[in-house]
PDB file of all heavy atoms in Angstrom:
ATOM      1  N   MET A   1      71.055  22.256  38.136  1.00  0.00           N
ATOM      2  CA  MET A   1      72.344  22.689  37.580  1.00  0.00           C
ATOM      3  C   MET A   1      73.150  23.429  38.653  1.00  0.00           C
ATOM      4  O   MET A   1      72.696  24.341  39.316  1.00  0.00           O
ATOM      5  CB  MET A   1      72.101  23.586  36.439  1.00  0.00           C
ATOM      6  CG  MET A   1      73.372  23.979  35.658  1.00  0.00           C
ATOM      7  SD  MET A   1      72.922  24.790  34.183  1.00  0.00           S
ATOM      8  CE  MET A   1      72.060  26.316  34.855  1.00  0.00           C
ATOM      9  N   GLY A   2      74.350  22.918  38.833  1.00  0.00           N
ATOM     10  CA  GLY A   2      75.328  23.606  39.830  1.00  0.00           C
ATOM     11  C   GLY A   2      75.262  23.068  41.152  1.00  0.00           C
ATOM     12  O   GLY A   2      75.988  23.466  42.098  1.00  0.00           O
ATOM     13  N   ILE A   3      74.393  22.040  41.334  1.00  0.00           N
ATOM     14  CA  ILE A   3      74.398  21.512  42.637  1.00  0.00           C
ATOM     15  C   ILE A   3      74.258  19.865  42.601  1.00  0.00           C
ATOM     16  O   ILE A   3      74.103  19.308  41.519  1.00  0.00           O
ATOM     17  CB  ILE A   3      73.064  21.896  43.579  1.00  0.00           C
ATOM     18  CG1 ILE A   3      71.763  21.557  42.769  1.00  0.00           C
ATOM     19  CG2 ILE A   3      73.046  23.376  43.786  1.00  0.00           C
ATOM     20  CD1 ILE A   3      70.529  21.757  43.667  1.00  0.00           C
ATOM     21  N   GLY A   4      74.476  19.222  43.766  1.00  0.00           N
ATOM     22  CA  GLY A   4      74.340  17.785  43.781  1.00  0.00           C
ATOM     23  C   GLY A   4      75.266  17.021  42.892  1.00  0.00           C
ATOM     24  O   GLY A   4      74.919  16.054  42.301  1.00  0.00           O
ATOM     25  N   LEU A   5      76.571  17.383  42.897  1.00  0.00           N
ATOM     26  CA  LEU A   5      77.562  16.646  42.147  1.00  0.00           C
ATOM     27  C   LEU A   5      78.609  15.949  42.902  1.00  0.00           C
ATOM     28  O   LEU A   5      79.787  15.746  42.556  1.00  0.00           O
ATOM     29  CB  LEU A   5      78.313  17.721  41.243  1.00  0.00           C
ATOM     30  CG  LEU A   5      77.453  18.403  40.138  1.00  0.00           C
ATOM     31  CD1 LEU A   5      78.168  19.572  39.463  1.00  0.00           C
ATOM     32  CD2 LEU A   5      76.891  17.467  39.102  1.00  0.00           C
ATOM     33  N   ASP A   6      77.996  15.350  44.062  1.00  0.00           N
ATOM     34  CA  ASP A   6      79.028  14.767  45.044  1.00  0.00           C
ATOM     35  C   ASP A   6      78.848  13.225  45.006  1.00  0.00           C
ATOM     36  O   ASP A   6      79.544  12.583  45.737  1.00  0.00           O
ATOM     37  CB  ASP A   6      78.561  15.036  46.388  1.00  0.00           C
ATOM     38  CG  ASP A   6      77.168  14.842  46.903  1.00  0.00           C
ATOM     39  OD1 ASP A   6      76.163  15.059  45.882  1.00  0.00           O
ATOM     40  OD2 ASP A   6      76.790  14.498  47.982  1.00  0.00           O
ATOM     41  N   LEU A   7      78.093  12.663  43.932  1.00  0.00           N
ATOM     42  CA  LEU A   7      78.009  11.193  43.861  1.00  0.00           C
ATOM     43  C   LEU A   7      78.310  10.797  42.435  1.00  0.00           C
ATOM     44  O   LEU A   7      78.264  11.445  41.432  1.00  0.00           O
ATOM     45  CB  LEU A   7      76.578  10.849  44.202  1.00  0.00           C
ATOM     46  CG  LEU A   7      76.091  11.018  45.620  1.00  0.00           C
ATOM     47  CD1 LEU A   7      74.545  10.800  45.599  1.00  0.00           C
ATOM     48  CD2 LEU A   7      76.740  10.225  46.649  1.00  0.00           C
ATOM     49  N   PRO A   8      78.783   9.553  42.305  1.00  0.00           N
ATOM     50  CA  PRO A   8      78.860   8.943  40.971  1.00  0.00           C
ATOM     51  C   PRO A   8      77.421   8.682  40.330  1.00  0.00           C
ATOM     52  O   PRO A   8      76.407   8.840  40.922  1.00  0.00           O
ATOM     53  CB  PRO A   8      79.513   7.561  41.142  1.00  0.00           C
ATOM     54  CG  PRO A   8      79.155   7.265  42.590  1.00  0.00           C
ATOM     55  CD  PRO A   8      79.117   8.442  43.289  1.00  0.00           C
ATOM     56  N   LEU A   9      77.677   8.449  39.036  1.00  0.00           N
ATOM     57  CA  LEU A   9      76.428   8.521  38.079  1.00  0.00           C
ATOM     58  C   LEU A   9      75.221   7.873  38.735  1.00  0.00           C
ATOM     59  O   LEU A   9      74.093   8.364  38.754  1.00  0.00           O
ATOM     60  CB  LEU A   9      76.765   7.854  36.730  1.00  0.00           C
ATOM     61  CG  LEU A   9      75.622   7.753  35.758  1.00  0.00           C
ATOM     62  CD1 LEU A   9      75.049   9.072  35.400  1.00  0.00           C
ATOM     63  CD2 LEU A   9      75.968   6.911  34.566  1.00  0.00           C
ATOM     64  N   LEU A  10      75.256   6.476  38.937  1.00  0.00           N
ATOM     65  CA  LEU A  10      74.121   5.701  39.301  1.00  0.00           C
ATOM     66  C   LEU A  10      73.413   6.100  40.593  1.00  0.00           C
ATOM     67  O   LEU A  10      72.302   6.238  40.668  1.00  0.00           O
ATOM     68  CB  LEU A  10      74.459   4.232  39.159  1.00  0.00           C
ATOM     69  CG  LEU A  10      74.914   3.659  38.042  1.00  0.00           C
ATOM     70  CD1 LEU A  10      75.179   2.144  38.120  1.00  0.00           C
ATOM     71  CD2 LEU A  10      73.928   3.984  36.883  1.00  0.00           C
ATOM     72  N   GLN A  11      74.295   6.488  41.628  1.00  0.00           N
ATOM     73  CA  GLN A  11      73.847   7.001  42.819  1.00  0.00           C
ATOM     74  C   GLN A  11      73.258   8.439  42.720  1.00  0.00           C
ATOM     75  O   GLN A  11      72.141   8.874  43.344  1.00  0.00           O
ATOM     76  CB  GLN A  11      74.880   6.980  43.910  1.00  0.00           C
ATOM     77  CG  GLN A  11      75.228   5.665  44.307  1.00  0.00           C
ATOM     78  CD  GLN A  11      76.473   5.150  43.610  1.00  0.00           C
ATOM     79  OE1 GLN A  11      76.564   5.297  42.333  1.00  0.00           O
ATOM     80  NE2 GLN A  11      77.401   4.617  44.403  1.00  0.00           N
ATOM     81  N   TRP A  12      73.799   9.195  41.802  1.00  0.00           N
ATOM     82  CA  TRP A  12      73.431  10.596  41.435  1.00  0.00           C
ATOM     83  C   TRP A  12      72.014  10.613  40.923  1.00  0.00           C
ATOM     84  O   TRP A  12      71.155  11.464  41.105  1.00  0.00           O
ATOM     85  CB  TRP A  12      74.447  11.196  40.513  1.00  0.00           C
ATOM     86  CG  TRP A  12      73.981  12.570  39.986  1.00  0.00           C
ATOM     87  CD1 TRP A  12      74.225  13.914  40.538  1.00  0.00           C
ATOM     88  CD2 TRP A  12      73.563  12.888  38.678  1.00  0.00           C
ATOM     89  NE1 TRP A  12      73.893  14.900  39.725  1.00  0.00           N
ATOM     90  CE2 TRP A  12      73.421  14.158  38.539  1.00  0.00           C
ATOM     91  CE3 TRP A  12      73.072  12.082  37.531  1.00  0.00           C
ATOM     92  CZ2 TRP A  12      72.859  14.913  37.485  1.00  0.00           C
ATOM     93  CZ3 TRP A  12      72.706  12.691  36.481  1.00  0.00           C
ATOM     94  CH2 TRP A  12      72.551  14.078  36.459  1.00  0.00           C
ATOM     95  N   LEU A  13      71.819   9.674  39.976  1.00  0.00           N
ATOM     96  CA  LEU A  13      70.416   9.618  39.322  1.00  0.00           C
ATOM     97  C   LEU A  13      69.371   9.330  40.448  1.00  0.00           C
ATOM     98  O   LEU A  13      68.363   9.994  40.360  1.00  0.00           O
ATOM     99  CB  LEU A  13      70.479   8.393  38.352  1.00  0.00           C
ATOM    100  CG  LEU A  13      71.156   8.553  37.110  1.00  0.00           C
ATOM    101  CD1 LEU A  13      71.171   7.322  36.245  1.00  0.00           C
ATOM    102  CD2 LEU A  13      70.354   9.691  36.194  1.00  0.00           C
ATOM    103  N   THR A  14      69.566   8.433  41.324  1.00  0.00           N
ATOM    104  CA  THR A  14      68.616   8.081  42.299  1.00  0.00           C
ATOM    105  C   THR A  14      68.369   9.222  43.302  1.00  0.00           C
ATOM    106  O   THR A  14      67.173   9.559  43.619  1.00  0.00           O
ATOM    107  CB  THR A  14      69.097   6.749  43.056  1.00  0.00           C
ATOM    108  OG1 THR A  14      69.119   5.760  42.171  1.00  0.00           O
ATOM    109  CG2 THR A  14      68.020   6.490  44.165  1.00  0.00           C
ATOM    110  N   LYS A  15      69.474   9.869  43.799  1.00  0.00           N
ATOM    111  CA  LYS A  15      69.173  10.798  44.794  1.00  0.00           C
ATOM    112  C   LYS A  15      68.868  12.293  44.295  1.00  0.00           C
ATOM    113  O   LYS A  15      68.028  12.834  44.922  1.00  0.00           O
ATOM    114  CB  LYS A  15      70.644  11.113  45.581  1.00  0.00           C
ATOM    115  CG  LYS A  15      70.450  12.050  46.734  1.00  0.00           C
ATOM    116  CD  LYS A  15      71.727  12.151  47.448  1.00  0.00           C
ATOM    117  CE  LYS A  15      71.597  13.208  48.662  1.00  0.00           C
ATOM    118  NZ  LYS A  15      72.817  13.216  49.559  1.00  0.00           N
ATOM    119  N   TYR A  16      69.312  12.587  43.096  1.00  0.00           N
ATOM    120  CA  TYR A  16      68.985  13.928  42.704  1.00  0.00           C
ATOM    121  C   TYR A  16      68.075  14.078  41.390  1.00  0.00           C
ATOM    122  O   TYR A  16      67.209  14.897  41.365  1.00  0.00           O
ATOM    123  CB  TYR A  16      70.275  14.632  42.482  1.00  0.00           C
ATOM    124  CG  TYR A  16      71.190  14.877  43.572  1.00  0.00           C
ATOM    125  CD1 TYR A  16      72.486  14.194  43.567  1.00  0.00           C
ATOM    126  CD2 TYR A  16      70.855  15.609  44.600  1.00  0.00           C
ATOM    127  CE1 TYR A  16      73.248  14.276  44.735  1.00  0.00           C
ATOM    128  CE2 TYR A  16      71.722  15.822  45.730  1.00  0.00           C
ATOM    129  CZ  TYR A  16      72.964  15.198  45.800  1.00  0.00           C
ATOM    130  OH  TYR A  16      73.808  15.243  46.855  1.00  0.00           O
ATOM    131  N   THR A  17      68.391  13.139  40.544  1.00  0.00           N
ATOM    132  CA  THR A  17      67.790  13.365  39.153  1.00  0.00           C
ATOM    133  C   THR A  17      66.371  12.803  39.079  1.00  0.00           C
ATOM    134  O   THR A  17      65.514  13.515  38.543  1.00  0.00           O
ATOM    135  CB  THR A  17      68.645  12.601  38.180  1.00  0.00           C
ATOM    136  OG1 THR A  17      69.967  13.234  38.247  1.00  0.00           O
ATOM    137  CG2 THR A  17      68.141  12.876  36.706  1.00  0.00           C
ATOM    138  N   PHE A  18      66.077  11.573  39.398  1.00  0.00           N
ATOM    139  CA  PHE A  18      64.806  11.038  39.382  1.00  0.00           C
ATOM    140  C   PHE A  18      63.815  11.826  40.074  1.00  0.00           C
ATOM    141  O   PHE A  18      62.559  12.124  39.673  1.00  0.00           O
ATOM    142  CB  PHE A  18      64.731   9.591  39.723  1.00  0.00           C
ATOM    143  CG  PHE A  18      65.593   8.642  38.769  1.00  0.00           C
ATOM    144  CD1 PHE A  18      66.239   7.579  39.293  1.00  0.00           C
ATOM    145  CD2 PHE A  18      65.626   8.947  37.467  1.00  0.00           C
ATOM    146  CE1 PHE A  18      66.871   6.818  38.425  1.00  0.00           C
ATOM    147  CE2 PHE A  18      66.297   8.156  36.614  1.00  0.00           C
ATOM    148  CZ  PHE A  18      67.070   6.994  37.033  1.00  0.00           C
ATOM    149  N   PRO A  19      64.140  12.257  41.326  1.00  0.00           N
ATOM    150  CA  PRO A  19      63.163  13.137  42.131  1.00  0.00           C
ATOM    151  C   PRO A  19      62.723  14.398  41.344  1.00  0.00           C
ATOM    152  O   PRO A  19      61.556  14.834  41.289  1.00  0.00           O
ATOM    153  CB  PRO A  19      63.793  13.272  43.468  1.00  0.00           C
ATOM    154  CG  PRO A  19      64.777  12.217  43.549  1.00  0.00           C
ATOM    155  CD  PRO A  19      65.291  11.995  42.198  1.00  0.00           C
ATOM    156  N   ILE A  20      63.673  15.159  40.779  1.00  0.00           N
ATOM    157  CA  ILE A  20      63.273  16.311  40.118  1.00  0.00           C
ATOM    158  C   ILE A  20      62.470  16.138  38.798  1.00  0.00           C
ATOM    159  O   ILE A  20      61.574  16.706  38.611  1.00  0.00           O
ATOM    160  CB  ILE A  20      64.488  17.254  39.881  1.00  0.00           C
ATOM    161  CG1 ILE A  20      64.219  18.698  39.449  1.00  0.00           C
ATOM    162  CG2 ILE A  20      65.431  16.637  38.740  1.00  0.00           C
ATOM    163  CD1 ILE A  20      63.537  19.422  40.615  1.00  0.00           C
ATOM    164  N   GLU A  21      62.945  14.997  38.115  1.00  0.00           N
ATOM    165  CA  GLU A  21      62.181  14.674  36.808  1.00  0.00           C
ATOM    166  C   GLU A  21      60.685  14.303  37.211  1.00  0.00           C
ATOM    167  O   GLU A  21      59.870  14.530  36.312  1.00  0.00           O
ATOM    168  CB  GLU A  21      62.895  13.629  35.946  1.00  0.00           C
ATOM    169  CG  GLU A  21      64.245  14.112  35.368  1.00  0.00           C
ATOM    170  CD  GLU A  21      64.836  13.170  34.479  1.00  0.00           C
ATOM    171  OE1 GLU A  21      64.071  12.274  33.888  1.00  0.00           O
ATOM    172  OE2 GLU A  21      66.003  13.226  34.158  1.00  0.00           O
ATOM    173  N   ALA A  22      60.497  13.627  38.219  1.00  0.00           N
ATOM    174  CA  ALA A  22      59.120  13.201  38.618  1.00  0.00           C
ATOM    175  C   ALA A  22      58.122  14.302  38.805  1.00  0.00           C
ATOM    176  O   ALA A  22      56.854  14.180  38.644  1.00  0.00           O
ATOM    177  CB  ALA A  22      59.174  12.351  39.834  1.00  0.00           C
ATOM    178  N   ARG A  23      58.651  15.478  39.092  1.00  0.00           N
ATOM    179  CA  ARG A  23      57.841  16.723  39.297  1.00  0.00           C
ATOM    180  C   ARG A  23      57.215  17.290  38.095  1.00  0.00           C
ATOM    181  O   ARG A  23      56.337  18.172  38.076  1.00  0.00           O
ATOM    182  CB  ARG A  23      58.651  17.841  40.056  1.00  0.00           C
ATOM    183  CG  ARG A  23      59.065  17.436  41.446  1.00  0.00           C
ATOM    184  CD  ARG A  23      59.837  18.556  42.118  1.00  0.00           C
ATOM    185  NE  ARG A  23      58.897  19.701  42.368  1.00  0.00           N
ATOM    186  CZ  ARG A  23      59.413  20.886  42.738  1.00  0.00           C
ATOM    187  NH1 ARG A  23      60.610  21.068  42.851  1.00  0.00           N
ATOM    188  NH2 ARG A  23      58.505  21.876  42.852  1.00  0.00           N
ATOM    189  N   PHE A  24      57.756  16.751  36.877  1.00  0.00           N
ATOM    190  CA  PHE A  24      57.263  17.455  35.610  1.00  0.00           C
ATOM    191  C   PHE A  24      55.917  16.890  35.232  1.00  0.00           C
ATOM    192  O   PHE A  24      55.476  17.329  34.018  1.00  0.00           O
ATOM    193  CB  PHE A  24      58.364  17.198  34.509  1.00  0.00           C
ATOM    194  CG  PHE A  24      59.500  18.169  34.616  1.00  0.00           C
ATOM    195  CD1 PHE A  24      60.429  18.035  35.582  1.00  0.00           C
ATOM    196  CD2 PHE A  24      59.503  19.249  33.783  1.00  0.00           C
ATOM    197  CE1 PHE A  24      61.381  18.968  35.746  1.00  0.00           C
ATOM    198  CE2 PHE A  24      60.533  20.256  33.850  1.00  0.00           C
ATOM    199  CZ  PHE A  24      61.533  19.953  34.907  1.00  0.00           C
ATOM    200  N   LYS A  25      55.215  16.127  36.007  1.00  0.00           N
ATOM    201  CA  LYS A  25      53.815  15.912  35.715  1.00  0.00           C
ATOM    202  C   LYS A  25      52.932  17.184  36.094  1.00  0.00           C
ATOM    203  O   LYS A  25      51.883  17.210  35.477  1.00  0.00           O
ATOM    204  CB  LYS A  25      53.322  14.768  36.514  1.00  0.00           C
ATOM    205  CG  LYS A  25      53.472  14.924  38.069  1.00  0.00           C
ATOM    206  CD  LYS A  25      53.094  13.559  38.770  1.00  0.00           C
ATOM    207  CE  LYS A  25      53.175  13.740  40.366  1.00  0.00           C
ATOM    208  NZ  LYS A  25      52.889  12.634  40.885  1.00  0.00           N
ATOM    209  N   ASP A  26      53.612  18.014  36.794  1.00  0.00           N
ATOM    210  CA  ASP A  26      52.927  19.381  37.060  1.00  0.00           C
ATOM    211  C   ASP A  26      53.249  20.320  35.871  1.00  0.00           C
ATOM    212  O   ASP A  26      54.302  20.646  35.659  1.00  0.00           O
ATOM    213  CB  ASP A  26      53.471  19.868  38.349  1.00  0.00           C
ATOM    214  CG  ASP A  26      52.823  21.158  38.764  1.00  0.00           C
ATOM    215  OD1 ASP A  26      52.284  21.938  37.902  1.00  0.00           O
ATOM    216  OD2 ASP A  26      52.932  21.522  39.950  1.00  0.00           O
ATOM    217  N   LEU A  27      52.199  20.681  35.077  1.00  0.00           N
ATOM    218  CA  LEU A  27      52.512  21.380  33.947  1.00  0.00           C
ATOM    219  C   LEU A  27      52.961  22.752  34.355  1.00  0.00           C
ATOM    220  O   LEU A  27      53.709  23.404  33.439  1.00  0.00           O
ATOM    221  CB  LEU A  27      51.169  21.492  33.009  1.00  0.00           C
ATOM    222  CG  LEU A  27      50.848  20.322  32.182  1.00  0.00           C
ATOM    223  CD1 LEU A  27      49.673  20.556  31.320  1.00  0.00           C
ATOM    224  CD2 LEU A  27      52.001  20.005  31.123  1.00  0.00           C
ATOM    225  N   ASN A  28      52.485  23.467  35.328  1.00  0.00           N
ATOM    226  CA  ASN A  28      52.828  24.731  35.820  1.00  0.00           C
ATOM    227  C   ASN A  28      54.358  24.782  36.078  1.00  0.00           C
ATOM    228  O   ASN A  28      55.166  25.614  35.737  1.00  0.00           O
ATOM    229  CB  ASN A  28      52.103  25.318  36.943  1.00  0.00           C
ATOM    230  CG  ASN A  28      50.580  25.622  36.484  1.00  0.00           C
ATOM    231  OD1 ASN A  28      50.328  26.005  35.452  1.00  0.00           O
ATOM    232  ND2 ASN A  28      49.769  25.260  37.442  1.00  0.00           N
ATOM    233  N   PHE A  29      54.721  23.703  36.829  1.00  0.00           N
ATOM    234  CA  PHE A  29      56.233  23.532  37.114  1.00  0.00           C
ATOM    235  C   PHE A  29      57.054  23.317  35.993  1.00  0.00           C
ATOM    236  O   PHE A  29      58.050  23.981  35.693  1.00  0.00           O
ATOM    237  CB  PHE A  29      56.219  22.276  38.103  1.00  0.00           C
ATOM    238  CG  PHE A  29      57.845  22.060  38.417  1.00  0.00           C
ATOM    239  CD1 PHE A  29      58.448  22.778  39.365  1.00  0.00           C
ATOM    240  CD2 PHE A  29      58.593  21.036  37.686  1.00  0.00           C
ATOM    241  CE1 PHE A  29      59.802  22.444  39.696  1.00  0.00           C
ATOM    242  CE2 PHE A  29      59.881  20.750  38.086  1.00  0.00           C
ATOM    243  CZ  PHE A  29      60.500  21.471  39.050  1.00  0.00           C
ATOM    244  N   ALA A  30      56.539  22.519  35.049  1.00  0.00           N
ATOM    245  CA  ALA A  30      57.304  22.331  33.696  1.00  0.00           C
ATOM    246  C   ALA A  30      57.440  23.650  32.970  1.00  0.00           C
ATOM    247  O   ALA A  30      58.423  23.868  32.416  1.00  0.00           O
ATOM    248  CB  ALA A  30      56.547  21.229  32.981  1.00  0.00           C
ATOM    249  N   GLU A  31      56.274  24.356  32.811  1.00  0.00           N
ATOM    250  CA  GLU A  31      56.290  25.538  31.950  1.00  0.00           C
ATOM    251  C   GLU A  31      57.487  26.573  32.503  1.00  0.00           C
ATOM    252  O   GLU A  31      58.106  27.052  31.782  1.00  0.00           O
ATOM    253  CB  GLU A  31      55.047  26.236  31.824  1.00  0.00           C
ATOM    254  CG  GLU A  31      54.980  27.427  31.134  1.00  0.00           C
ATOM    255  CD  GLU A  31      53.681  28.005  30.842  1.00  0.00           C
ATOM    256  OE1 GLU A  31      52.713  27.560  31.520  1.00  0.00           O
ATOM    257  OE2 GLU A  31      53.485  28.811  29.950  1.00  0.00           O
ATOM    258  N   ASP A  32      57.502  26.659  33.761  1.00  0.00           N
ATOM    259  CA  ASP A  32      58.450  27.582  34.448  1.00  0.00           C
ATOM    260  C   ASP A  32      59.777  27.141  34.202  1.00  0.00           C
ATOM    261  O   ASP A  32      60.621  27.958  33.659  1.00  0.00           O
ATOM    262  CB  ASP A  32      58.169  27.630  35.951  1.00  0.00           C
ATOM    263  CG  ASP A  32      59.169  28.466  36.659  1.00  0.00           C
ATOM    264  OD1 ASP A  32      59.257  29.582  36.172  1.00  0.00           O
ATOM    265  OD2 ASP A  32      59.755  28.032  37.739  1.00  0.00           O
ATOM    266  N   ILE A  33      60.243  25.856  34.415  1.00  0.00           N
ATOM    267  CA  ILE A  33      61.471  25.374  34.305  1.00  0.00           C
ATOM    268  C   ILE A  33      61.876  25.360  32.830  1.00  0.00           C
ATOM    269  O   ILE A  33      63.032  25.845  32.440  1.00  0.00           O
ATOM    270  CB  ILE A  33      61.731  24.066  34.843  1.00  0.00           C
ATOM    271  CG1 ILE A  33      61.497  23.953  36.370  1.00  0.00           C
ATOM    272  CG2 ILE A  33      63.237  23.512  34.666  1.00  0.00           C
ATOM    273  CD1 ILE A  33      62.295  24.955  37.176  1.00  0.00           C
ATOM    274  N   TYR A  34      60.984  24.930  31.893  1.00  0.00           N
ATOM    275  CA  TYR A  34      61.374  24.820  30.550  1.00  0.00           C
ATOM    276  C   TYR A  34      61.550  26.167  29.854  1.00  0.00           C
ATOM    277  O   TYR A  34      62.398  26.404  28.995  1.00  0.00           O
ATOM    278  CB  TYR A  34      60.226  23.948  29.817  1.00  0.00           C
ATOM    279  CG  TYR A  34      60.394  22.505  30.020  1.00  0.00           C
ATOM    280  CD1 TYR A  34      59.221  21.624  29.979  1.00  0.00           C
ATOM    281  CD2 TYR A  34      61.722  21.820  30.378  1.00  0.00           C
ATOM    282  CE1 TYR A  34      59.291  20.355  30.123  1.00  0.00           C
ATOM    283  CE2 TYR A  34      61.781  20.527  30.516  1.00  0.00           C
ATOM    284  CZ  TYR A  34      60.561  19.659  30.553  1.00  0.00           C
ATOM    285  OH  TYR A  34      60.608  18.431  30.720  1.00  0.00           O
ATOM    286  N   THR A  35      60.780  27.210  30.265  1.00  0.00           N
ATOM    287  CA  THR A  35      61.012  28.469  29.814  1.00  0.00           C
ATOM    288  C   THR A  35      62.311  28.995  30.138  1.00  0.00           C
ATOM    289  O   THR A  35      63.029  29.572  29.409  1.00  0.00           O
ATOM    290  CB  THR A  35      59.819  29.433  30.326  1.00  0.00           C
ATOM    291  OG1 THR A  35      58.572  29.009  29.955  1.00  0.00           O
ATOM    292  CG2 THR A  35      60.054  30.802  29.921  1.00  0.00           C
ATOM    293  N   LYS A  36      62.711  28.781  31.364  1.00  0.00           N
ATOM    294  CA  LYS A  36      64.052  29.178  31.838  1.00  0.00           C
ATOM    295  C   LYS A  36      65.142  28.563  31.124  1.00  0.00           C
ATOM    296  O   LYS A  36      66.199  29.194  30.623  1.00  0.00           O
ATOM    297  CB  LYS A  36      64.145  28.867  33.354  1.00  0.00           C
ATOM    298  CG  LYS A  36      63.542  29.861  34.255  1.00  0.00           C
ATOM    299  CD  LYS A  36      63.655  29.292  35.759  1.00  0.00           C
ATOM    300  CE  LYS A  36      63.173  30.452  36.768  1.00  0.00           C
ATOM    301  NZ  LYS A  36      61.727  30.576  36.871  1.00  0.00           N
ATOM    302  N   VAL A  37      65.112  27.224  30.787  1.00  0.00           N
ATOM    303  CA  VAL A  37      66.182  26.478  30.115  1.00  0.00           C
ATOM    304  C   VAL A  37      66.323  27.107  28.712  1.00  0.00           C
ATOM    305  O   VAL A  37      67.402  27.198  28.127  1.00  0.00           O
ATOM    306  CB  VAL A  37      66.053  25.046  30.258  1.00  0.00           C
ATOM    307  CG1 VAL A  37      64.855  24.472  29.481  1.00  0.00           C
ATOM    308  CG2 VAL A  37      67.379  24.475  29.746  1.00  0.00           C
ATOM    309  N   VAL A  38      65.081  27.249  27.966  1.00  0.00           N
ATOM    310  CA  VAL A  38      65.251  27.677  26.646  1.00  0.00           C
ATOM    311  C   VAL A  38      65.807  29.108  26.469  1.00  0.00           C
ATOM    312  O   VAL A  38      66.790  29.255  25.669  1.00  0.00           O
ATOM    313  CB  VAL A  38      63.883  27.583  25.971  1.00  0.00           C
ATOM    314  CG1 VAL A  38      63.896  28.210  24.578  1.00  0.00           C
ATOM    315  CG2 VAL A  38      63.412  26.040  25.884  1.00  0.00           C
ATOM    316  N   LYS A  39      65.426  30.044  27.337  1.00  0.00           N
ATOM    317  CA  LYS A  39      65.966  31.327  27.335  1.00  0.00           C
ATOM    318  C   LYS A  39      67.494  31.302  27.757  1.00  0.00           C
ATOM    319  O   LYS A  39      68.207  32.079  27.219  1.00  0.00           O
ATOM    320  CB  LYS A  39      65.109  32.181  28.418  1.00  0.00           C
ATOM    321  CG  LYS A  39      63.683  32.428  27.863  1.00  0.00           C
ATOM    322  CD  LYS A  39      62.762  33.288  28.770  1.00  0.00           C
ATOM    323  CE  LYS A  39      63.327  34.727  28.799  1.00  0.00           C
ATOM    324  NZ  LYS A  39      62.402  35.696  29.748  1.00  0.00           N
ATOM    325  N   ARG A  40      67.865  30.566  28.635  1.00  0.00           N
ATOM    326  CA  ARG A  40      69.238  30.503  29.199  1.00  0.00           C
ATOM    327  C   ARG A  40      70.101  29.935  28.077  1.00  0.00           C
ATOM    328  O   ARG A  40      71.190  30.606  27.760  1.00  0.00           O
ATOM    329  CB  ARG A  40      69.390  29.612  30.405  1.00  0.00           C
ATOM    330  CG  ARG A  40      70.814  29.562  30.982  1.00  0.00           C
ATOM    331  CD  ARG A  40      71.276  30.948  31.460  1.00  0.00           C
ATOM    332  NE  ARG A  40      70.545  31.328  32.615  1.00  0.00           N
ATOM    333  CZ  ARG A  40      70.707  32.576  33.343  1.00  0.00           C
ATOM    334  NH1 ARG A  40      71.638  33.255  32.928  1.00  0.00           N
ATOM    335  NH2 ARG A  40      70.001  32.844  34.410  1.00  0.00           N
ATOM    336  N   THR A  41      69.587  28.990  27.313  1.00  0.00           N
ATOM    337  CA  THR A  41      70.588  28.464  26.399  1.00  0.00           C
ATOM    338  C   THR A  41      70.559  29.323  25.201  1.00  0.00           C
ATOM    339  O   THR A  41      71.709  29.515  24.651  1.00  0.00           O
ATOM    340  CB  THR A  41      69.975  27.026  25.837  1.00  0.00           C
ATOM    341  OG1 THR A  41      68.656  27.002  25.497  1.00  0.00           O
ATOM    342  CG2 THR A  41      70.214  25.947  26.917  1.00  0.00           C
ATOM    343  N   LEU A  42      69.460  29.965  24.702  1.00  0.00           N
ATOM    344  CA  LEU A  42      69.557  30.917  23.575  1.00  0.00           C
ATOM    345  C   LEU A  42      70.475  32.139  23.965  1.00  0.00           C
ATOM    346  O   LEU A  42      71.218  32.550  23.122  1.00  0.00           O
ATOM    347  CB  LEU A  42      68.163  31.449  23.301  1.00  0.00           C
ATOM    348  CG  LEU A  42      67.267  30.571  22.451  1.00  0.00           C
ATOM    349  CD1 LEU A  42      65.816  31.078  22.398  1.00  0.00           C
ATOM    350  CD2 LEU A  42      67.848  30.475  21.065  1.00  0.00           C
ATOM    351  N   ARG A  43      70.468  32.708  25.146  1.00  0.00           N
ATOM    352  CA  ARG A  43      71.221  33.908  25.466  1.00  0.00           C
ATOM    353  C   ARG A  43      72.593  33.334  25.543  1.00  0.00           C
ATOM    354  O   ARG A  43      73.523  34.246  25.505  1.00  0.00           O
ATOM    355  CB  ARG A  43      70.753  34.580  26.671  1.00  0.00           C
ATOM    356  CG  ARG A  43      70.868  33.758  27.914  1.00  0.00           C
ATOM    357  CD  ARG A  43      70.764  34.844  29.193  1.00  0.00           C
ATOM    358  NE  ARG A  43      69.458  35.485  29.169  1.00  0.00           N
ATOM    359  CZ  ARG A  43      68.410  35.066  29.895  1.00  0.00           C
ATOM    360  NH1 ARG A  43      68.463  34.098  30.810  1.00  0.00           N
ATOM    361  NH2 ARG A  43      67.370  35.882  29.939  1.00  0.00           N
ATOM    362  N   ASN A  44      73.014  32.035  25.652  1.00  0.00           N
ATOM    363  CA  ASN A  44      74.333  31.542  25.554  1.00  0.00           C
ATOM    364  C   ASN A  44      74.764  31.052  24.112  1.00  0.00           C
ATOM    365  O   ASN A  44      75.692  30.443  24.005  1.00  0.00           O
ATOM    366  CB  ASN A  44      74.482  30.450  26.610  1.00  0.00           C
ATOM    367  CG  ASN A  44      74.801  30.908  28.029  1.00  0.00           C
ATOM    368  OD1 ASN A  44      76.056  31.236  28.292  1.00  0.00           O
ATOM    369  ND2 ASN A  44      73.757  31.125  28.875  1.00  0.00           N
TER     370      ASN A  44
END
């Protein structure tokens, strides 16, 4: 969030989005990020 907005949609997915989503097979990584997003959205 807040970075990597220099490309149109399809190129953006390939360069930025798919690589970060691929990391969520790691449960520790997933727990950290998902905890952050739920807390951030609730406080908003």
